[in-house]
Protein backbone atom coordinates (compact mmCIF):
# COMPACT_ATOMS: atom_id res chain seq x y z
CA MET A 1 0.00 0.00 0.00
CA LEU A 2 1.10 3.56 -0.65
CA PHE A 3 -0.28 6.19 1.71
CA ARG A 4 0.25 9.96 1.61
CA SER A 5 -0.40 11.77 4.85
CA ASN A 6 -0.36 15.37 5.96
CA ALA A 7 2.95 15.84 7.72
CA PRO A 8 3.74 19.35 8.84
CA PRO A 9 7.30 19.60 10.17
CA SER A 10 6.04 19.80 13.77
CA LYS A 11 4.36 16.36 13.48
CA ARG A 12 6.94 14.45 11.42
CA GLY A 13 8.67 12.91 14.42
CA GLU A 14 5.38 11.41 15.65
CA ILE A 15 4.47 10.17 12.17
CA LEU A 16 7.88 8.57 11.64
CA GLU A 17 7.62 6.86 15.02
CA VAL A 18 4.27 5.30 14.07
CA ALA A 19 5.69 4.29 10.69
CA SER A 20 8.71 2.61 12.26
CA ILE A 21 6.48 0.40 14.44
CA PHE A 22 4.89 -0.98 11.26
CA LYS A 23 8.15 -1.05 9.27
CA ALA A 24 6.65 1.44 6.84
CA THR A 25 9.14 3.06 4.49
CA ALA A 26 9.02 6.78 3.73
CA VAL A 27 9.28 6.97 -0.06
CA ASP A 28 8.66 10.70 -0.50
CA VAL A 29 8.85 13.77 1.71
CA ALA A 30 7.36 17.10 0.64
CA ALA A 31 6.93 20.40 2.42
CA ASN A 32 3.74 19.33 4.22
CA SER A 33 3.26 15.65 3.41
CA MET A 34 4.96 12.26 3.52
CA THR A 35 4.32 9.16 1.45
CA PHE A 36 4.83 5.72 2.95
CA GLN A 37 5.02 2.23 1.54
CA VAL A 38 3.57 -0.44 3.81
CA THR A 39 3.53 -4.16 3.10
CA GLY A 40 2.24 -7.12 5.05
CA GLN A 41 -0.89 -8.88 6.12
CA PRO A 42 -4.16 -6.94 5.75
CA ALA A 43 -4.54 -6.63 9.53
CA LYS A 44 -1.10 -4.98 9.82
CA VAL A 45 -1.87 -2.53 7.00
CA ASN A 46 -5.25 -1.66 8.52
CA ASP A 47 -3.71 -1.12 11.96
CA PHE A 48 -1.18 1.26 10.42
CA LEU A 49 -4.00 3.16 8.72
CA ASP A 50 -5.94 3.43 11.97
CA LEU A 51 -2.98 5.12 13.68
CA ILE A 52 -1.85 7.35 10.82
CA ARG A 53 -5.26 8.45 9.52
CA PRO A 54 -5.81 11.11 12.26
CA TYR A 55 -2.90 13.10 10.79
CA GLY A 56 -4.92 13.49 7.59
CA MET A 57 -5.08 11.20 4.60
CA ILE A 58 -4.28 12.76 1.23
CA ASP A 59 -3.99 9.68 -1.01
CA LEU A 60 -4.23 5.92 -0.61
CA VAL A 61 -3.46 3.17 -3.10
CA LYS A 62 -3.89 -0.48 -2.15
CA SER A 63 -3.46 -3.63 -4.15
CA GLY A 64 -4.43 -7.19 -3.38
CA ARG A 65 -2.00 -9.99 -2.95
CA ILE A 66 0.55 -9.94 -5.71
CA ALA A 67 3.63 -12.01 -6.35
CA LEU A 68 6.13 -13.07 -8.95
CA PRO A 69 7.64 -16.54 -8.95
CA ARG A 70 11.30 -16.76 -8.08
CA GLU A 71 13.66 -17.78 -10.81
CA PRO A 72 15.42 -21.11 -10.28
CA LYS A 73 19.01 -20.75 -9.16
CA ALA A 74 21.55 -21.35 -11.89
CA ARG A 75 23.52 -24.54 -11.57
CA LYS A 76 27.24 -24.11 -11.20
CA LEU A 77 29.18 -25.60 -14.06
CA LYS A 78 32.41 -27.40 -13.33
CA ALA A 79 35.44 -25.85 -14.94
CA THR A 80 37.21 -28.13 -17.38
CA GLY A 81 40.74 -28.07 -18.62
């Protein structure tokens, strides 16, 4: 999920503290807002939203479960010669 919140300089410390509890990553900082990336189980994401929403939600983008398969590891070839 990407979430943009109001973040006046006087509140940034509080907002970053909440974000750190949920291992949210700040991906953009503007004059009066911050954008965070949050990943995890739906309950974790919703708990983060509950605590950060009072600061003022500007934008929110969520996706469902997404994944890409991992590529198989390459086999090591024995050197000859």
